[in-house]
Amino acid sequence: MKKILYIDYWTKGSHNFLRLDKELRKHCVTLFLHLSSWREEGNSRERHVDGLPFRDISYYDTNYVFKVLERERPCAVILLNLNTITDRSIVLSCKQLGIKVIYLSHGSLSVYEKIDDLITSGRVYYFNNVIARARRTIFRVFPDYWYSKRRCGGSLFSVLRSVMMHLWNYGRPVRHFMFPQYNNELDADVCLVFSRNDFDVFTEYRGYPKEKIVITGNPEYDEFFVDYERDKNNTKKNTKVTYVDEGSIDDILTIDEHIDALRDIQETAVKCGLQFEIKLHPRTYDRADTYRKALPRSVVITQIKFHSLFRDSRIVISQGSTVILYAMCMGIPVLVPRFGSFLKFPEYYRKETVMTCNNLHELELCMKQPKINKQPYSDFLSRFITYQDSMSLNRILESIKSHVGITS
């Protein structure tokens, strides 16, 4: 029976696999391999979630992905990333072992036109966790990459040259490890992306062949559009301000800096007679109680349907989370603060697409009289949301089945 191996660095993105697994398991054996022990996160060696085995790499008594793939021999590997040195190790190992590689987007990519700005500003915060990152790279990432290259027939000199090249590129980390150019080490059989913007990032910026990229739509929007259509004619209260955290927060601000910045927004919202809600990113769910204690006049939220999150929002505030797309679909104004600690964030969006404020007085005015530039909003959404037919998950599954050779 065919076997599919899901791979990710940790377990926090497992929902991207679980939504596929029920259907794929009808046709093949499935297994989720994660590398949490590389991050010293203390996950169990093996557990099961909804019938899917979750195995840390330590389960196999090795730190080499090649050895795991050699033992499991799946017909295909599904990845959520296709940019890091570890991804290179996986792709090289799969090629050597005759395993298909399928890249699956796990979120919308950066705005194509803003990538150069992100590369310039992102260098500053990439090294904020330099000690932990360096330890993992030296003792886990590079040895695994070295082993994969050698098992794939690389000479000692060629492997050493590749390692030195990657070390050198730590001087431009965002360009090299977030938006690397297409090459043999990052060559998936197919890349399943969510939108036209993501297609452009892969083909125009990273140089991937267009025939390898398939736009599927985002499965997280499938349920959202059903809920939105059902509810869009009902009266909304517009009684709250919703702040949406984004994934790179730990790389940019300390938790104290973040709380201080949010406290300013909280006090401004209260002054305007509005409830302030904070939607945390999954990476910071474990700190929810810390935020609740520090910001008692706010509502701190972890897991929630996005339609429910934004339903009564007058305004949504964020720095770069693509979750704002849900708010935009609902016609809710989006605000990006550009003062205090928020200045440490790159500017992810064009100023004509979102509102910006440069101080607390402007923040208060935006809360009282939010505005939308309808045409830029519409143009932006058309780039990021290709399908609104609630069939995105079906397209992903059909593409995977086609490349794996599964007939329904």
Protein backbone atom coordinates (compact mmCIF):
# COMPACT_ATOMS: atom_id res chain seq x y z
CA MET A 1 0.00 0.00 0.00
CA LYS A 2 1.24 3.51 -0.82
CA LYS A 3 2.61 5.64 2.00
CA ILE A 4 2.64 9.44 2.35
CA LEU A 5 4.93 11.15 4.84
CA TYR A 6 4.07 14.65 6.10
CA ILE A 7 7.11 16.60 7.36
CA ASP A 8 7.39 19.82 9.34
CA TYR A 9 9.81 21.35 11.83
CA TRP A 10 7.32 21.17 14.69
CA THR A 11 3.72 20.14 15.39
CA LYS A 12 2.06 23.57 15.45
CA GLY A 13 1.21 23.37 11.75
CA SER A 14 -0.22 19.86 11.93
CA HIS A 15 -3.76 21.09 11.13
CA ASN A 16 -2.57 21.62 7.55
CA PHE A 17 -2.05 17.85 7.31
CA LEU A 18 -4.95 16.73 9.46
CA ARG A 19 -7.47 18.38 7.14
CA LEU A 20 -6.13 16.21 4.31
CA ASP A 21 -5.50 13.03 6.23
CA LYS A 22 -9.02 11.65 6.57
CA GLU A 23 -9.38 11.43 2.79
CA LEU A 24 -5.80 10.40 1.98
CA ARG A 25 -5.87 7.64 4.59
CA LYS A 26 -8.61 5.92 2.60
CA HIS A 27 -6.05 5.25 -0.10
CA CYS A 28 -2.66 5.01 1.63
CA VAL A 29 -0.76 4.86 4.90
CA THR A 30 0.04 8.29 6.36
CA LEU A 31 2.58 9.44 8.94
CA PHE A 32 3.65 12.83 10.31
CA LEU A 33 7.40 13.31 10.94
CA HIS A 34 8.43 16.42 12.91
CA LEU A 35 11.75 17.77 14.20
CA SER A 36 10.60 19.22 17.53
CA SER A 37 13.48 17.65 19.45
CA TRP A 38 15.86 19.78 17.38
CA ARG A 39 14.22 22.77 19.06
CA GLU A 40 14.39 21.08 22.49
CA GLU A 41 10.61 21.39 22.80
CA GLY A 42 10.07 18.19 24.78
CA ASN A 43 7.48 16.55 22.50
CA SER A 44 6.89 12.83 22.96
CA ARG A 45 8.65 10.48 20.56
CA GLU A 46 5.31 9.22 19.27
CA ARG A 47 1.65 10.05 19.80
CA HIS A 48 -1.53 9.86 17.74
CA VAL A 49 -3.88 12.69 16.81
CA ASP A 50 -7.15 11.78 15.07
CA GLY A 51 -5.61 8.48 14.06
CA LEU A 52 -2.50 10.06 12.51
CA PRO A 53 0.86 8.98 14.02
CA PHE A 54 2.97 11.98 15.09
CA ARG A 55 6.63 10.91 15.30
CA ASP A 56 9.53 13.06 16.37
CA ILE A 57 12.75 12.26 14.53
CA SER A 58 14.13 10.93 17.83
CA TYR A 59 11.69 8.01 17.46
CA TYR A 60 14.10 6.61 14.88
CA ASP A 61 17.19 7.05 17.09
CA THR A 62 18.79 9.32 14.51
CA ASN A 63 19.04 12.99 13.62
CA TYR A 64 19.34 12.32 9.90
CA VAL A 65 16.20 12.78 7.81
CA PHE A 66 17.73 10.65 5.05
CA LYS A 67 17.79 7.63 7.38
CA VAL A 68 14.13 8.12 8.29
CA LEU A 69 13.10 8.33 4.64
CA GLU A 70 15.26 5.33 3.81
CA ARG A 71 13.50 3.33 6.51
CA GLU A 72 9.92 4.45 5.81
CA ARG A 73 10.19 4.53 1.99
CA PRO A 74 7.09 6.66 1.31
CA CYS A 75 5.96 7.24 -2.25
CA ALA A 76 5.63 10.97 -1.51
CA VAL A 77 6.60 13.59 1.06
CA ILE A 78 4.43 16.65 1.70
CA LEU A 79 6.25 19.74 3.01
CA LEU A 80 4.93 23.05 4.37
CA ASN A 81 8.17 24.90 3.59
CA LEU A 82 10.56 24.99 0.67
CA ASN A 83 13.30 27.44 1.56
CA THR A 84 15.57 26.40 4.46
CA ILE A 85 18.68 24.23 4.66
CA THR A 86 16.59 21.46 6.24
CA ASP A 87 14.20 21.61 3.29
CA ARG A 88 17.21 21.18 1.02
CA SER A 89 18.23 18.07 2.97
CA ILE A 90 14.73 16.61 2.59
CA VAL A 91 14.49 17.34 -1.14
CA LEU A 92 17.96 15.90 -1.84
CA SER A 93 17.16 12.77 0.16
CA CYS A 94 13.85 12.29 -1.65
CA LYS A 95 15.49 12.62 -5.06
CA GLN A 96 18.12 10.05 -4.15
CA LEU A 97 15.48 7.61 -2.87
CA GLY A 98 12.96 8.16 -5.70
CA ILE A 99 10.35 9.85 -3.49
CA LYS A 100 8.05 12.54 -4.89
CA VAL A 101 8.13 15.95 -3.18
CA ILE A 102 4.92 17.98 -2.84
CA TYR A 103 5.04 21.49 -1.40
CA LEU A 104 1.83 22.63 0.30
CA SER A 105 1.35 26.27 1.25
CA HIS A 106 0.39 26.80 4.87
CA GLY A 107 -0.43 30.49 4.55
CA SER A 108 -0.40 33.34 2.05
CA LEU A 109 3.08 34.51 1.08
CA SER A 110 4.41 38.05 1.34
CA VAL A 111 3.17 40.71 -1.06
CA TYR A 112 5.22 40.16 -4.21
CA GLU A 113 6.07 43.83 -4.73
CA LYS A 114 7.20 44.28 -1.09
CA ILE A 115 9.70 41.41 -0.91
CA ASP A 116 12.75 43.60 -1.57
CA ASP A 117 11.71 45.86 1.32
CA LEU A 118 11.25 42.83 3.58
CA ILE A 119 14.69 41.52 2.68
CA THR A 120 16.28 44.86 3.58
CA SER A 121 14.47 45.32 6.90
CA GLY A 122 14.28 41.66 7.86
CA ARG A 123 18.02 41.30 8.36
CA VAL A 124 17.74 43.27 11.59
CA TYR A 125 15.47 40.85 13.43
CA TYR A 126 16.57 37.56 11.89
CA PHE A 127 19.39 37.31 14.44
CA ASN A 128 17.33 38.16 17.54
CA ASN A 129 17.33 34.50 18.61
CA VAL A 130 20.88 34.01 17.42
CA ILE A 131 22.08 31.68 20.21
CA ALA A 132 19.25 29.15 19.91
CA ARG A 133 19.34 29.39 16.12
CA ALA A 134 23.12 28.92 16.00
CA ARG A 135 23.04 25.91 18.34
CA ARG A 136 20.34 24.21 16.26
CA THR A 137 22.14 25.03 13.01
CA ILE A 138 25.55 23.79 14.15
CA PHE A 139 24.46 20.61 15.91
CA ARG A 140 21.38 19.58 13.90
CA VAL A 141 20.81 21.40 10.60
CA PHE A 142 24.29 21.35 9.06
CA PRO A 143 25.15 17.76 10.09
CA ASP A 144 21.85 16.61 8.55
CA TYR A 145 22.54 18.59 5.37
CA TRP A 146 26.10 17.23 5.21
CA TYR A 147 24.86 13.66 5.59
CA SER A 148 22.19 14.06 2.90
CA LYS A 149 24.68 15.57 0.43
CA ARG A 150 27.17 12.79 1.04
CA ARG A 151 24.51 10.06 0.68
CA CYS A 152 23.50 11.68 -2.60
CA GLY A 153 27.00 11.19 -3.98
CA GLY A 154 28.49 14.61 -3.23
CA SER A 155 32.27 14.66 -2.93
CA LEU A 156 33.84 15.87 0.29
CA PHE A 157 34.98 19.05 -1.46
CA SER A 158 31.60 19.82 -3.07
CA VAL A 159 29.74 19.27 0.21
CA LEU A 160 32.17 21.46 2.11
CA ARG A 161 31.77 24.16 -0.55
CA SER A 162 27.97 24.01 -0.22
CA VAL A 163 28.13 24.29 3.56
CA MET A 164 30.51 27.26 3.34
CA MET A 165 28.19 28.93 0.83
CA HIS A 166 25.24 28.63 3.23
CA LEU A 167 27.35 29.94 6.11
CA TRP A 168 28.34 32.91 3.97
CA ASN A 169 24.70 33.57 3.13
CA TYR A 170 23.84 34.09 6.80
CA GLY A 171 24.98 37.62 5.96
CA ARG A 172 21.79 37.97 3.89
CA PRO A 173 19.51 35.54 5.69
CA VAL A 174 16.07 36.75 4.62
CA ARG A 175 16.96 36.58 0.93
CA HIS A 176 18.66 33.21 1.20
CA PHE A 177 16.45 31.40 3.73
CA MET A 178 13.01 32.93 3.10
CA PHE A 179 13.08 33.66 -0.65
CA PRO A 180 15.86 31.49 -2.12
CA GLN A 181 16.16 30.99 -5.84
CA TYR A 182 14.94 27.79 -7.47
CA ASN A 183 17.58 25.09 -7.86
CA ASN A 184 18.00 21.32 -7.68
CA GLU A 185 18.01 21.33 -3.86
CA LEU A 186 14.61 23.04 -3.71
CA ASP A 187 12.97 21.29 -6.66
CA ALA A 188 9.55 19.90 -5.71
CA ASP A 189 7.50 17.82 -8.13
CA VAL A 190 4.61 20.23 -7.60
CA CYS A 191 4.02 23.34 -5.49
CA LEU A 192 0.43 23.90 -4.32
CA VAL A 193 -0.08 27.60 -3.60
CA PHE A 194 -3.09 29.61 -2.53
CA SER A 195 -3.25 32.63 -4.82
CA ARG A 196 -2.02 34.56 -7.84
CA ASN A 197 0.33 36.52 -5.56
CA ASP A 198 1.89 33.26 -4.33
CA PHE A 199 2.24 32.09 -7.93
CA ASP A 200 4.11 35.31 -8.75
CA VAL A 201 6.42 34.94 -5.73
CA PHE A 202 7.40 31.43 -6.85
CA THR A 203 7.71 32.08 -10.57
CA GLU A 204 8.73 35.72 -10.96
CA TYR A 205 10.79 36.19 -7.80
CA ARG A 206 12.17 32.75 -6.99
CA GLY A 207 12.39 31.48 -10.58
CA TYR A 208 10.31 28.30 -10.36
CA PRO A 209 9.01 26.85 -13.64
CA LYS A 210 5.39 27.85 -14.07
CA GLU A 211 4.34 24.30 -14.88
CA LYS A 212 5.35 23.21 -11.36
CA ILE A 213 3.01 25.67 -9.62
CA VAL A 214 -0.71 24.97 -9.09
CA ILE A 215 -3.07 27.56 -7.59
CA THR A 216 -5.54 25.71 -5.37
CA GLY A 217 -7.08 28.42 -3.21
CA ASN A 218 -6.82 28.47 0.57
CA PRO A 219 -8.83 25.70 2.32
CA GLU A 220 -9.21 27.89 5.40
CA TYR A 221 -11.42 30.18 3.34
CA ASP A 222 -13.79 27.34 2.38
CA GLU A 223 -15.68 27.36 5.66
CA PHE A 224 -15.24 31.10 6.07
CA PHE A 225 -17.12 31.95 2.88
CA VAL A 226 -19.96 29.63 3.83
CA ASP A 227 -20.29 31.39 7.21
CA TYR A 228 -19.92 34.82 5.62
CA GLU A 229 -22.61 34.27 3.00
CA ARG A 230 -24.97 32.96 5.67
CA ASP A 231 -24.43 35.96 7.95
CA LYS A 232 -23.61 38.92 5.71
CA ASN A 233 -27.12 40.44 5.76
CA ASN A 234 -27.35 40.43 9.57
CA THR A 235 -26.72 43.61 11.55
CA LYS A 236 -23.19 44.03 12.94
CA LYS A 237 -22.45 45.86 16.18
CA ASN A 238 -19.08 47.48 15.26
CA THR A 239 -18.26 47.65 18.95
CA LYS A 240 -14.71 46.31 19.10
CA VAL A 241 -11.16 46.77 17.90
CA THR A 242 -9.39 43.53 16.96
CA TYR A 243 -5.61 43.20 16.95
CA VAL A 244 -4.16 40.23 15.04
CA ASP A 245 -0.70 39.02 16.03
CA GLU A 246 1.69 37.69 13.39
CA GLY A 247 4.16 34.83 13.30
CA SER A 248 7.47 36.72 13.47
CA ILE A 249 6.62 38.63 16.66
CA ASP A 250 9.23 36.75 18.71
CA ASP A 251 11.93 37.72 16.24
CA ILE A 252 11.10 41.42 16.47
CA LEU A 253 9.83 42.35 19.96
CA THR A 254 10.33 41.02 23.46
CA ILE A 255 7.12 40.03 25.21
CA ASP A 256 7.39 43.13 27.45
CA GLU A 257 7.77 45.41 24.42
CA HIS A 258 4.80 43.76 22.78
CA ILE A 259 2.60 44.10 25.87
CA ASP A 260 3.55 47.77 26.28
CA ALA A 261 2.64 48.46 22.65
CA LEU A 262 -0.67 46.63 23.00
CA ARG A 263 -1.45 48.51 26.21
CA ASP A 264 -1.38 51.79 24.27
CA ILE A 265 -3.90 50.40 21.78
CA GLN A 266 -6.01 49.00 24.62
CA GLU A 267 -6.24 52.38 26.38
CA THR A 268 -7.09 54.16 23.13
CA ALA A 269 -9.84 51.64 22.35
CA VAL A 270 -11.31 52.01 25.85
CA LYS A 271 -11.18 55.80 25.46
CA CYS A 272 -13.26 55.42 22.28
CA GLY A 273 -15.77 53.19 24.06
CA LEU A 274 -14.67 50.06 22.20
CA GLN A 275 -13.77 46.55 23.37
CA PHE A 276 -10.16 45.58 22.58
CA GLU A 277 -9.49 42.01 21.46
CA ILE A 278 -6.08 40.42 20.89
CA LYS A 279 -5.87 37.39 18.57
CA LEU A 280 -2.60 35.59 19.29
CA HIS A 281 -0.61 33.68 16.70
CA PRO A 282 -0.36 29.90 17.30
CA ARG A 283 3.33 30.36 18.13
CA THR A 284 2.35 32.39 21.22
CA TYR A 285 -0.73 30.49 22.43
CA ASP A 286 1.23 29.21 25.42
CA ARG A 287 1.60 32.81 26.67
CA ALA A 288 -2.08 33.67 26.61
CA ASP A 289 -2.30 33.86 30.42
CA THR A 290 0.66 36.26 30.52
CA TYR A 291 -1.15 38.61 28.14
CA ARG A 292 -4.41 38.29 30.06
CA LYS A 293 -2.73 39.24 33.35
CA ALA A 294 -0.83 42.16 31.83
CA LEU A 295 -3.83 43.47 29.84
CA PRO A 296 -6.90 42.84 32.02
CA ARG A 297 -9.08 45.26 30.05
CA SER A 298 -8.58 43.25 26.87
CA VAL A 299 -9.94 39.95 25.60
CA VAL A 300 -7.12 37.59 24.63
CA ILE A 301 -8.11 34.97 22.06
CA THR A 302 -6.36 31.84 20.79
CA GLN A 303 -8.40 29.50 18.57
CA ILE A 304 -11.53 30.91 16.92
CA LYS A 305 -13.24 30.98 13.54
CA PHE A 306 -12.16 34.14 11.75
CA HIS A 307 -15.68 35.05 10.75
CA SER A 308 -16.67 35.05 14.42
CA LEU A 309 -13.51 36.93 15.36
CA PHE A 310 -14.19 39.86 13.03
CA ARG A 311 -17.99 39.88 12.89
CA ASP A 312 -18.49 42.90 15.19
CA SER A 313 -15.15 44.62 14.60
CA ARG A 314 -15.12 48.28 13.69
CA ILE A 315 -11.45 48.08 12.77
CA VAL A 316 -8.73 45.41 12.56
CA ILE A 317 -5.13 46.19 13.51
CA SER A 318 -2.11 44.17 12.42
CA GLN A 319 1.46 44.50 11.18
CA GLY A 320 1.69 41.69 8.68
CA SER A 321 -0.64 38.80 9.41
CA THR A 322 -2.40 37.52 6.30
CA VAL A 323 -5.42 36.93 8.55
CA ILE A 324 -6.38 40.51 7.66
CA LEU A 325 -7.64 39.09 4.35
CA TYR A 326 -10.66 37.73 6.20
CA ALA A 327 -11.39 41.20 7.56
CA MET A 328 -10.99 42.72 4.09
CA CYS A 329 -13.46 40.21 2.65
CA MET A 330 -15.95 41.42 5.26
CA GLY A 331 -15.36 45.06 4.31
CA ILE A 332 -13.68 45.94 7.61
CA PRO A 333 -10.98 48.67 7.59
CA VAL A 334 -7.43 47.49 8.36
CA LEU A 335 -4.99 49.70 10.28
CA VAL A 336 -1.19 49.39 10.56
CA PRO A 337 0.41 51.36 13.43
CA ARG A 338 3.72 53.01 12.53
CA PHE A 339 4.95 54.40 15.83
CA GLY A 340 6.83 53.24 18.94
CA SER A 341 7.84 49.57 18.96
CA PHE A 342 5.73 48.92 15.85
CA LEU A 343 8.37 50.74 13.78
CA LYS A 344 10.59 47.68 14.19
CA PHE A 345 8.28 45.74 11.86
CA PRO A 346 8.80 45.81 8.09
CA GLU A 347 6.06 47.50 6.07
CA TYR A 348 4.24 44.54 4.54
CA TYR A 349 1.45 46.41 2.74
CA ARG A 350 1.11 49.38 0.45
CA LYS A 351 -0.10 52.52 2.18
CA GLU A 352 -2.98 52.93 -0.28
CA THR A 353 -4.31 49.47 0.68
CA VAL A 354 -4.43 49.90 4.46
CA MET A 355 -4.76 52.80 6.88
CA THR A 356 -1.64 53.83 8.80
CA CYS A 357 -1.21 55.95 11.91
CA ASN A 358 1.97 57.61 13.19
CA ASN A 359 0.96 58.38 16.79
CA LEU A 360 -1.73 57.71 19.38
CA HIS A 361 -3.78 60.75 18.31
CA GLU A 362 -4.01 59.42 14.74
CA LEU A 363 -4.82 55.99 16.15
CA GLU A 364 -7.77 57.47 18.05
CA LEU A 365 -9.03 59.28 14.94
CA CYS A 366 -8.82 56.06 12.91
CA MET A 367 -10.83 54.20 15.54
CA LYS A 368 -13.51 56.89 15.52
CA GLN A 369 -13.69 57.33 11.75
CA PRO A 370 -12.20 54.30 9.94
CA LYS A 371 -11.98 54.46 6.16
CA ILE A 372 -11.56 52.03 3.27
CA ASN A 373 -10.00 52.69 -0.13
CA LYS A 374 -12.38 50.44 -2.05
CA GLN A 375 -10.44 50.02 -5.30
CA PRO A 376 -7.06 49.16 -3.69
CA TYR A 377 -8.94 46.81 -1.35
CA SER A 378 -10.58 45.06 -4.28
CA ASP A 379 -7.32 44.82 -6.23
CA PHE A 380 -5.46 43.47 -3.22
CA LEU A 381 -8.08 40.81 -2.52
CA SER A 382 -8.12 39.64 -6.13
CA ARG A 383 -4.38 38.98 -5.89
CA PHE A 384 -4.62 37.00 -2.66
CA ILE A 385 -7.97 35.19 -2.92
CA THR A 386 -8.23 33.41 -6.25
CA TYR A 387 -11.20 31.19 -5.41
CA GLN A 388 -14.30 31.80 -3.31
CA ASP A 389 -16.12 28.58 -4.22
CA SER A 390 -15.32 26.59 -1.04
CA MET A 391 -13.59 23.94 -3.18
CA SER A 392 -9.95 24.67 -2.29
CA LEU A 393 -9.47 21.55 -0.17
CA ASN A 394 -10.86 19.40 -3.00
CA ARG A 395 -8.37 20.92 -5.45
CA ILE A 396 -5.47 20.21 -3.07
CA LEU A 397 -6.54 16.62 -2.55
CA GLU A 398 -7.06 15.97 -6.26
CA SER A 399 -3.64 17.38 -7.09
CA ILE A 400 -1.93 15.25 -4.43
CA LYS A 401 -3.77 12.13 -5.60
CA SER A 402 -2.79 12.84 -9.20
CA HIS A 403 0.91 13.20 -8.40
CA VAL A 404 0.98 10.20 -6.07
CA GLY A 405 -0.96 8.00 -8.48
CA ILE A 406 -4.09 7.52 -6.39
CA THR A 407 -7.31 6.91 -8.32
CA SER A 408 -10.50 7.83 -6.46
